[in-house]
Amino acid sequence: HVEFGAHLHTTPTTWFEKIDAAYKAGCQRFDGAIQGFGGCPMAKDQL
């Protein structure tokens, strides 16, 4: 009864395996931002 989503932050080289793992595990809801801009300003990894 719960809709699960994936809000994945990533480095430029690790996007594919994350999306692939979530989709193949049944996730049907994905967040993204064009060109990967942004990320969480409260977190600490600038990359």
All heavy atoms as atom14 arrays in JSON, in Angstrom:
{
  "sequence": "HVEFGAHLHTTPTTWFEKIDAAYKAGCQRFDGAIQGFGGCPMAKDQL",
  "atom14_mask": [
    [1, 1, 1, 1, 1, 1, 1, 1, 1, 1, 0, 0, 0, 0],
    [1, 1, 1, 1, 1, 1, 1, 0, 0, 0, 0, 0, 0, 0],
    [1, 1, 1, 1, 1, 1, 1, 1, 1, 0, 0, 0, 0, 0],
    [1, 1, 1, 1, 1, 1, 1, 1, 1, 1, 1, 0, 0, 0],
    [1, 1, 1, 1, 0, 0, 0, 0, 0, 0, 0, 0, 0, 0],
    [1, 1, 1, 1, 1, 0, 0, 0, 0, 0, 0, 0, 0, 0],
    [1, 1, 1, 1, 1, 1, 1, 1, 1, 1, 0, 0, 0, 0],
    [1, 1, 1, 1, 1, 1, 1, 1, 0, 0, 0, 0, 0, 0],
    [1, 1, 1, 1, 1, 1, 1, 1, 1, 1, 0, 0, 0, 0],
    [1, 1, 1, 1, 1, 1, 1, 0, 0, 0, 0, 0, 0, 0],
    [1, 1, 1, 1, 1, 1, 1, 0, 0, 0, 0, 0, 0, 0],
    [1, 1, 1, 1, 1, 1, 1, 0, 0, 0, 0, 0, 0, 0],
    [1, 1, 1, 1, 1, 1, 1, 0, 0, 0, 0, 0, 0, 0],
    [1, 1, 1, 1, 1, 1, 1, 0, 0, 0, 0, 0, 0, 0],
    [1, 1, 1, 1, 1, 1, 1, 1, 1, 1, 1, 1, 1, 1],
    [1, 1, 1, 1, 1, 1, 1, 1, 1, 1, 1, 0, 0, 0],
    [1, 1, 1, 1, 1, 1, 1, 1, 1, 0, 0, 0, 0, 0],
    [1, 1, 1, 1, 1, 1, 1, 1, 1, 0, 0, 0, 0, 0],
    [1, 1, 1, 1, 1, 1, 1, 1, 0, 0, 0, 0, 0, 0],
    [1, 1, 1, 1, 1, 1, 1, 1, 0, 0, 0, 0, 0, 0],
    [1, 1, 1, 1, 1, 0, 0, 0, 0, 0, 0, 0, 0, 0],
    [1, 1, 1, 1, 1, 0, 0, 0, 0, 0, 0, 0, 0, 0],
    [1, 1, 1, 1, 1, 1, 1, 1, 1, 1, 1, 1, 0, 0],
    [1, 1, 1, 1, 1, 1, 1, 1, 1, 0, 0, 0, 0, 0],
    [1, 1, 1, 1, 1, 0, 0, 0, 0, 0, 0, 0, 0, 0],
    [1, 1, 1, 1, 0, 0, 0, 0, 0, 0, 0, 0, 0, 0],
    [1, 1, 1, 1, 1, 1, 0, 0, 0, 0, 0, 0, 0, 0],
    [1, 1, 1, 1, 1, 1, 1, 1, 1, 0, 0, 0, 0, 0],
    [1, 1, 1, 1, 1, 1, 1, 1, 1, 1, 1, 0, 0, 0],
    [1, 1, 1, 1, 1, 1, 1, 1, 1, 1, 1, 0, 0, 0],
    [1, 1, 1, 1, 1, 1, 1, 1, 0, 0, 0, 0, 0, 0],
    [1, 1, 1, 1, 0, 0, 0, 0, 0, 0, 0, 0, 0, 0],
    [1, 1, 1, 1, 1, 0, 0, 0, 0, 0, 0, 0, 0, 0],
    [1, 1, 1, 1, 1, 1, 1, 1, 0, 0, 0, 0, 0, 0],
    [1, 1, 1, 1, 1, 1, 1, 1, 1, 0, 0, 0, 0, 0],
    [1, 1, 1, 1, 0, 0, 0, 0, 0, 0, 0, 0, 0, 0],
    [1, 1, 1, 1, 1, 1, 1, 1, 1, 1, 1, 0, 0, 0],
    [1, 1, 1, 1, 0, 0, 0, 0, 0, 0, 0, 0, 0, 0],
    [1, 1, 1, 1, 0, 0, 0, 0, 0, 0, 0, 0, 0, 0],
    [1, 1, 1, 1, 1, 1, 0, 0, 0, 0, 0, 0, 0, 0],
    [1, 1, 1, 1, 1, 1, 1, 0, 0, 0, 0, 0, 0, 0],
    [1, 1, 1, 1, 1, 1, 1, 1, 0, 0, 0, 0, 0, 0],
    [1, 1, 1, 1, 1, 0, 0, 0, 0, 0, 0, 0, 0, 0],
    [1, 1, 1, 1, 1, 1, 1, 1, 1, 0, 0, 0, 0, 0],
    [1, 1, 1, 1, 1, 1, 1, 1, 0, 0, 0, 0, 0, 0],
    [1, 1, 1, 1, 1, 1, 1, 1, 1, 0, 0, 0, 0, 0],
    [1, 1, 1, 1, 1, 1, 1, 1, 0, 0, 0, 0, 0, 0]
  ],
  "atom14_positions": [
    [[0.82, -1.22, 0.0], [0.0, 0.0, 0.0], [0.85, 1.27, 0.0], [0.31, 2.38, -0.04], [-0.91, 0.0, 1.23], [-0.15, -0.11, 2.53], [0.44, -1.28, 2.93], [0.11, 0.8, 3.5], [1.04, -1.09, 4.1], [0.86, 0.18, 4.46], [0.0, 0.0, 0.0], [0.0, 0.0, 0.0], [0.0, 0.0, 0.0], [0.0, 0.0, 0.0]],
    [[2.18, 1.12, 0.04], [3.1, 2.27, 0.04], [3.75, 2.38, -1.34], [4.19, 1.39, -1.92], [4.19, 2.11, 1.11], [5.23, 3.24, 1.01], [3.58, 2.1, 2.51], [0.0, 0.0, 0.0], [0.0, 0.0, 0.0], [0.0, 0.0, 0.0], [0.0, 0.0, 0.0], [0.0, 0.0, 0.0], [0.0, 0.0, 0.0], [0.0, 0.0, 0.0]],
    [[3.78, 3.6, -1.86], [4.51, 3.88, -3.09], [5.93, 4.29, -2.72], [6.13, 5.28, -2.03], [3.82, 4.98, -3.89], [4.55, 5.36, -5.18], [3.88, 6.49, -5.93], [2.65, 6.7, -5.76], [4.58, 7.19, -6.69], [0.0, 0.0, 0.0], [0.0, 0.0, 0.0], [0.0, 0.0, 0.0], [0.0, 0.0, 0.0], [0.0, 0.0, 0.0]],
    [[6.9, 3.51, -3.18], [8.3, 3.79, -2.85], [8.97, 4.54, -3.99], [8.78, 4.23, -5.16], [9.07, 2.5, -2.57], [8.75, 1.89, -1.23], [7.75, 0.92, -1.12], [9.42, 2.29, -0.09], [7.44, 0.37, 0.11], [9.11, 1.73, 1.15], [8.11, 0.76, 1.25], [0.0, 0.0, 0.0], [0.0, 0.0, 0.0], [0.0, 0.0, 0.0]],
    [[9.76, 5.53, -3.62], [10.51, 6.29, -4.6], [11.99, 6.27, -4.3], [12.42, 5.89, -3.21], [0.0, 0.0, 0.0], [0.0, 0.0, 0.0], [0.0, 0.0, 0.0], [0.0, 0.0, 0.0], [0.0, 0.0, 0.0], [0.0, 0.0, 0.0], [0.0, 0.0, 0.0], [0.0, 0.0, 0.0], [0.0, 0.0, 0.0], [0.0, 0.0, 0.0]],
    [[12.77, 6.7, -5.3], [14.23, 6.77, -5.15], [14.67, 8.21, -5.43], [14.5, 8.71, -6.54], [14.92, 5.82, -6.12], [0.0, 0.0, 0.0], [0.0, 0.0, 0.0], [0.0, 0.0, 0.0], [0.0, 0.0, 0.0], [0.0, 0.0, 0.0], [0.0, 0.0, 0.0], [0.0, 0.0, 0.0], [0.0, 0.0, 0.0], [0.0, 0.0, 0.0]],
    [[15.19, 8.87, -4.39], [15.77, 10.2, -4.55], [17.27, 10.02, -4.37], [17.79, 10.07, -3.26], [15.2, 11.17, -3.5], [15.66, 12.58, -3.68], [14.91, 13.54, -4.31], [16.82, 13.19, -3.32], [15.56, 14.69, -4.32], [16.74, 14.49, -3.72], [0.0, 0.0, 0.0], [0.0, 0.0, 0.0], [0.0, 0.0, 0.0], [0.0, 0.0, 0.0]],
    [[17.94, 9.77, -5.49], [19.33, 9.37, -5.45], [20.25, 10.52, -5.84], [20.1, 11.11, -6.91], [19.56, 8.19, -6.4], [18.71, 6.93, -6.12], [18.87, 5.92, -7.24], [19.1, 6.32, -4.78], [0.0, 0.0, 0.0], [0.0, 0.0, 0.0], [0.0, 0.0, 0.0], [0.0, 0.0, 0.0], [0.0, 0.0, 0.0], [0.0, 0.0, 0.0]],
    [[21.17, 10.85, -4.97], [22.24, 11.77, -5.32], [23.42, 10.92, -5.78], [23.57, 9.78, -5.36], [22.63, 12.64, -4.13], [21.58, 13.64, -3.76], [21.75, 14.57, -2.75], [20.34, 13.87, -4.25], [20.66, 15.33, -2.65], [19.8, 14.91, -3.54], [0.0, 0.0, 0.0], [0.0, 0.0, 0.0], [0.0, 0.0, 0.0], [0.0, 0.0, 0.0]],
    [[24.24, 11.49, -6.64], [25.26, 10.66, -7.26], [26.44, 11.48, -7.75], [26.31, 12.69, -7.98], [24.66, 9.86, -8.45], [25.64, 8.99, -9.0], [24.16, 10.79, -9.54], [0.0, 0.0, 0.0], [0.0, 0.0, 0.0], [0.0, 0.0, 0.0], [0.0, 0.0, 0.0], [0.0, 0.0, 0.0], [0.0, 0.0, 0.0], [0.0, 0.0, 0.0]],
    [[27.57, 10.82, -7.9], [28.69, 11.43, -8.6], [28.53, 11.1, -10.09], [27.76, 10.21, -10.45], [30.03, 10.87, -8.09], [30.02, 9.45, -8.23], [30.24, 11.22, -6.62], [0.0, 0.0, 0.0], [0.0, 0.0, 0.0], [0.0, 0.0, 0.0], [0.0, 0.0, 0.0], [0.0, 0.0, 0.0], [0.0, 0.0, 0.0], [0.0, 0.0, 0.0]],
    [[29.24, 11.8, -10.98], [29.02, 11.6, -12.41], [29.26, 10.18, -12.92], [28.71, 9.8, -13.95], [30.02, 12.58, -13.05], [30.2, 13.66, -12.04], [30.12, 12.97, -10.71], [0.0, 0.0, 0.0], [0.0, 0.0, 0.0], [0.0, 0.0, 0.0], [0.0, 0.0, 0.0], [0.0, 0.0, 0.0], [0.0, 0.0, 0.0], [0.0, 0.0, 0.0]],
    [[30.03, 9.4, -12.19], [30.38, 8.07, -12.7], [29.56, 6.93, -12.09], [29.73, 5.78, -12.48], [31.87, 7.77, -12.43], [32.12, 7.85, -11.02], [32.75, 8.77, -13.16], [0.0, 0.0, 0.0], [0.0, 0.0, 0.0], [0.0, 0.0, 0.0], [0.0, 0.0, 0.0], [0.0, 0.0, 0.0], [0.0, 0.0, 0.0], [0.0, 0.0, 0.0]],
    [[28.66, 7.23, -11.14], [27.97, 6.14, -10.43], [26.46, 6.12, -10.65], [25.75, 5.39, -9.98], [28.25, 6.21, -8.91], [27.82, 7.48, -8.41], [29.73, 6.04, -8.62], [0.0, 0.0, 0.0], [0.0, 0.0, 0.0], [0.0, 0.0, 0.0], [0.0, 0.0, 0.0], [0.0, 0.0, 0.0], [0.0, 0.0, 0.0], [0.0, 0.0, 0.0]],
    [[25.96, 6.93, -11.6], [24.51, 7.04, -11.77], [23.88, 5.75, -12.27], [22.82, 5.35, -11.79], [24.16, 8.2, -12.71], [24.54, 7.96, -14.13], [25.72, 8.28, -14.74], [23.73, 7.32, -15.13], [25.72, 7.88, -16.04], [24.5, 7.29, -16.32], [22.45, 6.77, -15.15], [24.03, 6.73, -17.51], [21.98, 6.21, -16.33], [22.75, 6.2, -17.49]],
    [[24.55, 5.08, -13.23], [23.89, 3.96, -13.9], [23.58, 2.82, -12.95], [22.45, 2.3, -12.92], [24.76, 3.44, -15.06], [24.15, 2.25, -15.76], [23.24, 2.43, -16.79], [24.47, 0.96, -15.37], [22.65, 1.34, -17.42], [23.89, -0.14, -16.0], [22.98, 0.05, -17.03], [0.0, 0.0, 0.0], [0.0, 0.0, 0.0], [0.0, 0.0, 0.0]],
    [[24.56, 2.4, -12.17], [24.34, 1.24, -11.3], [23.27, 1.52, -10.24], [22.57, 0.6, -9.82], [25.65, 0.79, -10.66], [26.42, 1.85, -9.92], [27.55, 2.44, -10.76], [27.35, 2.67, -11.96], [28.65, 2.66, -10.2], [0.0, 0.0, 0.0], [0.0, 0.0, 0.0], [0.0, 0.0, 0.0], [0.0, 0.0, 0.0], [0.0, 0.0, 0.0]],
    [[23.13, 2.78, -9.84], [22.1, 3.11, -8.85], [20.7, 3.01, -9.45], [19.8, 2.4, -8.86], [22.35, 4.51, -8.28], [23.63, 4.62, -7.47], [23.78, 5.99, -6.84], [25.05, 6.05, -6.01], [25.15, 7.3, -5.24], [0.0, 0.0, 0.0], [0.0, 0.0, 0.0], [0.0, 0.0, 0.0], [0.0, 0.0, 0.0], [0.0, 0.0, 0.0]],
    [[20.5, 3.64, -10.6], [19.2, 3.56, -11.27], [18.87, 2.12, -11.62], [17.74, 1.65, -11.42], [19.23, 4.42, -12.56], [19.19, 5.89, -12.2], [18.06, 4.08, -13.48], [17.88, 6.37, -11.63], [0.0, 0.0, 0.0], [0.0, 0.0, 0.0], [0.0, 0.0, 0.0], [0.0, 0.0, 0.0], [0.0, 0.0, 0.0], [0.0, 0.0, 0.0]],
    [[19.85, 1.41, -12.14], [19.64, 0.03, -12.56], [19.22, -0.85, -11.39], [18.28, -1.65, -11.49], [20.93, -0.5, -13.2], [20.73, -1.81, -13.97], [19.82, -1.86, -14.83], [21.49, -2.75, -13.71], [0.0, 0.0, 0.0], [0.0, 0.0, 0.0], [0.0, 0.0, 0.0], [0.0, 0.0, 0.0], [0.0, 0.0, 0.0], [0.0, 0.0, 0.0]],
    [[19.88, -0.68, -10.25], [19.55, -1.49, -9.07], [18.15, -1.19, -8.58], [17.38, -2.11, -8.26], [20.57, -1.23, -7.97], [0.0, 0.0, 0.0], [0.0, 0.0, 0.0], [0.0, 0.0, 0.0], [0.0, 0.0, 0.0], [0.0, 0.0, 0.0], [0.0, 0.0, 0.0], [0.0, 0.0, 0.0], [0.0, 0.0, 0.0], [0.0, 0.0, 0.0]],
    [[17.78, 0.1, -8.51], [16.46, 0.47, -8.0], [15.35, -0.02, -8.92], [14.34, -0.56, -8.46], [16.37, 1.98, -7.82], [0.0, 0.0, 0.0], [0.0, 0.0, 0.0], [0.0, 0.0, 0.0], [0.0, 0.0, 0.0], [0.0, 0.0, 0.0], [0.0, 0.0, 0.0], [0.0, 0.0, 0.0], [0.0, 0.0, 0.0], [0.0, 0.0, 0.0]],
    [[15.52, 0.16, -10.23], [14.47, -0.23, -11.18], [14.29, -1.74, -11.2], [13.15, -2.24, -11.17], [14.83, 0.29, -12.57], [13.81, -0.04, -13.63], [12.52, 0.5, -13.58], [14.11, -0.89, -14.69], [11.58, 0.21, -14.55], [13.18, -1.19, -15.67], [11.92, -0.64, -15.59], [10.98, -0.94, -16.55], [0.0, 0.0, 0.0], [0.0, 0.0, 0.0]],
    [[15.39, -2.46, -11.23], [15.29, -3.94, -11.27], [14.73, -4.49, -9.96], [14.19, -5.61, -9.95], [16.66, -4.54, -11.57], [17.09, -4.32, -13.02], [18.46, -4.91, -13.32], [18.8, -4.76, -14.8], [20.17, -5.23, -15.11], [0.0, 0.0, 0.0], [0.0, 0.0, 0.0], [0.0, 0.0, 0.0], [0.0, 0.0, 0.0], [0.0, 0.0, 0.0]],
    [[14.84, -3.73, -8.88], [14.27, -4.17, -7.59], [12.8, -3.77, -7.45], [12.19, -4.04, -6.42], [15.08, -3.59, -6.44], [0.0, 0.0, 0.0], [0.0, 0.0, 0.0], [0.0, 0.0, 0.0], [0.0, 0.0, 0.0], [0.0, 0.0, 0.0], [0.0, 0.0, 0.0], [0.0, 0.0, 0.0], [0.0, 0.0, 0.0], [0.0, 0.0, 0.0]],
    [[12.25, -3.11, -8.48], [10.81, -2.84, -8.48], [10.41, -1.39, -8.26], [9.22, -1.07, -8.24], [0.0, 0.0, 0.0], [0.0, 0.0, 0.0], [0.0, 0.0, 0.0], [0.0, 0.0, 0.0], [0.0, 0.0, 0.0], [0.0, 0.0, 0.0], [0.0, 0.0, 0.0], [0.0, 0.0, 0.0], [0.0, 0.0, 0.0], [0.0, 0.0, 0.0]],
    [[11.39, -0.48, -8.07], [11.04, 0.93, -7.86], [10.46, 1.52, -9.15], [10.97, 1.29, -10.24], [12.28, 1.71, -7.43], [11.92, 3.44, -7.03], [0.0, 0.0, 0.0], [0.0, 0.0, 0.0], [0.0, 0.0, 0.0], [0.0, 0.0, 0.0], [0.0, 0.0, 0.0], [0.0, 0.0, 0.0], [0.0, 0.0, 0.0], [0.0, 0.0, 0.0]],
    [[9.38, 2.31, -8.99], [8.69, 2.9, -10.14], [8.61, 4.42, -10.04], [7.93, 5.05, -10.85], [7.27, 2.33, -10.25], [7.2, 0.85, -10.56], [7.41, 0.58, -12.05], [6.66, 1.04, -12.9], [8.46, -0.17, -12.37], [0.0, 0.0, 0.0], [0.0, 0.0, 0.0], [0.0, 0.0, 0.0], [0.0, 0.0, 0.0], [0.0, 0.0, 0.0]],
    [[9.31, 5.01, -9.08], [9.24, 6.46, -8.87], [10.67, 6.98, -8.67], [11.37, 6.53, -7.75], [8.37, 6.76, -7.64], [8.25, 8.24, -7.28], [7.55, 8.43, -5.94], [7.5, 9.84, -5.57], [6.46, 10.63, -5.79], [5.36, 10.15, -6.34], [6.5, 11.91, -5.45], [0.0, 0.0, 0.0], [0.0, 0.0, 0.0], [0.0, 0.0, 0.0]],
    [[11.08, 7.92, -9.52], [12.46, 8.39, -9.49], [12.52, 9.91, -9.55], [11.85, 10.54, -10.37], [13.24, 7.83, -10.68], [13.45, 6.34, -10.62], [12.49, 5.47, -11.12], [14.6, 5.81, -10.08], [12.67, 4.09, -11.07], [14.79, 4.43, -10.02], [13.82, 3.57, -10.51], [0.0, 0.0, 0.0], [0.0, 0.0, 0.0], [0.0, 0.0, 0.0]],
    [[13.35, 10.49, -8.67], [13.6, 11.93, -8.68], [14.89, 12.22, -9.44], [15.86, 11.45, -9.38], [13.78, 12.46, -7.25], [12.49, 12.43, -6.44], [11.52, 11.82, -6.91], [12.48, 13.01, -5.35], [0.0, 0.0, 0.0], [0.0, 0.0, 0.0], [0.0, 0.0, 0.0], [0.0, 0.0, 0.0], [0.0, 0.0, 0.0], [0.0, 0.0, 0.0]],
    [[14.91, 13.36, -10.12], [16.13, 13.78, -10.8], [16.14, 15.28, -10.99], [15.16, 15.97, -10.71], [0.0, 0.0, 0.0], [0.0, 0.0, 0.0], [0.0, 0.0, 0.0], [0.0, 0.0, 0.0], [0.0, 0.0, 0.0], [0.0, 0.0, 0.0], [0.0, 0.0, 0.0], [0.0, 0.0, 0.0], [0.0, 0.0, 0.0], [0.0, 0.0, 0.0]],
    [[17.26, 15.78, -11.47], [17.39, 17.2, -11.83], [18.25, 17.28, -13.09], [19.29, 16.61, -13.18], [18.03, 18.01, -10.7], [0.0, 0.0, 0.0], [0.0, 0.0, 0.0], [0.0, 0.0, 0.0], [0.0, 0.0, 0.0], [0.0, 0.0, 0.0], [0.0, 0.0, 0.0], [0.0, 0.0, 0.0], [0.0, 0.0, 0.0], [0.0, 0.0, 0.0]],
    [[17.8, 18.06, -14.03], [18.5, 18.16, -15.31], [19.97, 18.53, -15.09], [20.29, 19.44, -14.32], [17.8, 19.19, -16.22], [16.45, 18.62, -16.71], [18.67, 19.57, -17.41], [15.61, 19.59, -17.5], [0.0, 0.0, 0.0], [0.0, 0.0, 0.0], [0.0, 0.0, 0.0], [0.0, 0.0, 0.0], [0.0, 0.0, 0.0], [0.0, 0.0, 0.0]],
    [[20.84, 17.79, -15.76], [22.29, 17.96, -15.71], [22.88, 17.7, -14.32], [24.04, 18.02, -14.06], [22.71, 19.34, -16.24], [22.33, 19.54, -17.71], [22.79, 20.86, -18.27], [23.93, 21.26, -18.06], [21.92, 21.55, -19.01], [0.0, 0.0, 0.0], [0.0, 0.0, 0.0], [0.0, 0.0, 0.0], [0.0, 0.0, 0.0], [0.0, 0.0, 0.0]],
    [[22.06, 17.14, -13.41], [22.58, 16.79, -12.09], [22.86, 17.98, -11.21], [23.57, 17.84, -10.19], [0.0, 0.0, 0.0], [0.0, 0.0, 0.0], [0.0, 0.0, 0.0], [0.0, 0.0, 0.0], [0.0, 0.0, 0.0], [0.0, 0.0, 0.0], [0.0, 0.0, 0.0], [0.0, 0.0, 0.0], [0.0, 0.0, 0.0], [0.0, 0.0, 0.0]],
    [[22.3, 19.14, -11.56], [22.55, 20.32, -10.74], [22.0, 20.12, -9.33], [21.0, 19.43, -9.13], [21.9, 21.56, -11.36], [22.56, 22.03, -12.62], [21.85, 22.08, -13.81], [23.89, 22.41, -12.63], [22.45, 22.51, -14.98], [24.51, 22.84, -13.79], [23.79, 22.89, -14.97], [0.0, 0.0, 0.0], [0.0, 0.0, 0.0], [0.0, 0.0, 0.0]],
    [[22.66, 20.77, -8.36], [22.14, 20.77, -7.0], [22.68, 19.64, -6.16], [23.76, 19.12, -6.38], [0.0, 0.0, 0.0], [0.0, 0.0, 0.0], [0.0, 0.0, 0.0], [0.0, 0.0, 0.0], [0.0, 0.0, 0.0], [0.0, 0.0, 0.0], [0.0, 0.0, 0.0], [0.0, 0.0, 0.0], [0.0, 0.0, 0.0], [0.0, 0.0, 0.0]],
    [[21.86, 19.25, -5.2], [22.29, 18.35, -4.14], [21.88, 19.01, -2.85], [21.3, 20.09, -2.85], [0.0, 0.0, 0.0], [0.0, 0.0, 0.0], [0.0, 0.0, 0.0], [0.0, 0.0, 0.0], [0.0, 0.0, 0.0], [0.0, 0.0, 0.0], [0.0, 0.0, 0.0], [0.0, 0.0, 0.0], [0.0, 0.0, 0.0], [0.0, 0.0, 0.0]],
    [[22.17, 18.4, -1.76], [21.7, 18.94, -0.49], [22.7, 19.91, 0.11], [23.84, 19.53, 0.41], [21.44, 17.81, 0.51], [20.77, 18.42, 2.06], [0.0, 0.0, 0.0], [0.0, 0.0, 0.0], [0.0, 0.0, 0.0], [0.0, 0.0, 0.0], [0.0, 0.0, 0.0], [0.0, 0.0, 0.0], [0.0, 0.0, 0.0], [0.0, 0.0, 0.0]],
    [[22.31, 21.19, 0.33], [23.24, 22.15, 0.9], [23.58, 21.87, 2.36], [24.52, 22.44, 2.89], [22.51, 23.49, 0.77], [21.06, 23.14, 0.74], [20.99, 21.8, 0.04], [0.0, 0.0, 0.0], [0.0, 0.0, 0.0], [0.0, 0.0, 0.0], [0.0, 0.0, 0.0], [0.0, 0.0, 0.0], [0.0, 0.0, 0.0], [0.0, 0.0, 0.0]],
    [[22.79, 20.99, 3.0], [23.07, 20.64, 4.4], [24.05, 19.48, 4.52], [24.53, 19.17, 5.6], [21.77, 20.28, 5.13], [20.71, 21.35, 5.07], [21.28, 22.92, 5.75], [19.8, 23.91, 5.52], [0.0, 0.0, 0.0], [0.0, 0.0, 0.0], [0.0, 0.0, 0.0], [0.0, 0.0, 0.0], [0.0, 0.0, 0.0], [0.0, 0.0, 0.0]],
    [[24.31, 18.79, 3.4], [25.26, 17.69, 3.41], [26.65, 18.23, 3.07], [26.82, 19.41, 2.78], [24.82, 16.61, 2.44], [0.0, 0.0, 0.0], [0.0, 0.0, 0.0], [0.0, 0.0, 0.0], [0.0, 0.0, 0.0], [0.0, 0.0, 0.0], [0.0, 0.0, 0.0], [0.0, 0.0, 0.0], [0.0, 0.0, 0.0], [0.0, 0.0, 0.0]],
    [[27.64, 17.34, 3.06], [28.99, 17.89, 3.04], [29.84, 17.51, 1.83], [30.98, 17.93, 1.73], [29.73, 17.47, 4.31], [29.98, 15.96, 4.44], [30.72, 15.68, 5.74], [31.19, 14.24, 5.84], [31.92, 14.0, 7.09], [0.0, 0.0, 0.0], [0.0, 0.0, 0.0], [0.0, 0.0, 0.0], [0.0, 0.0, 0.0], [0.0, 0.0, 0.0]],
    [[29.3, 16.77, 0.87], [30.09, 16.36, -0.28], [29.81, 17.28, -1.45], [28.78, 17.21, -2.08], [29.76, 14.9, -0.65], [30.71, 14.37, -1.73], [31.41, 15.18, -2.36], [30.75, 13.15, -1.92], [0.0, 0.0, 0.0], [0.0, 0.0, 0.0], [0.0, 0.0, 0.0], [0.0, 0.0, 0.0], [0.0, 0.0, 0.0], [0.0, 0.0, 0.0]],
    [[30.77, 18.14, -1.79], [30.58, 19.12, -2.85], [30.49, 18.46, -4.24], [29.99, 19.06, -5.18], [31.74, 20.13, -2.85], [31.81, 20.99, -1.61], [30.63, 21.96, -1.51], [30.26, 22.58, -2.48], [30.06, 22.07, -0.33], [0.0, 0.0, 0.0], [0.0, 0.0, 0.0], [0.0, 0.0, 0.0], [0.0, 0.0, 0.0], [0.0, 0.0, 0.0]],
    [[31.01, 17.25, -4.36], [31.03, 16.59, -5.66], [29.75, 15.82, -5.96], [29.55, 15.34, -7.07], [32.22, 15.62, -5.75], [33.61, 16.28, -5.62], [34.69, 15.2, -5.63], [33.84, 17.28, -6.74], [0.0, 0.0, 0.0], [0.0, 0.0, 0.0], [0.0, 0.0, 0.0], [0.0, 0.0, 0.0], [0.0, 0.0, 0.0], [0.0, 0.0, 0.0]]
  ]
}
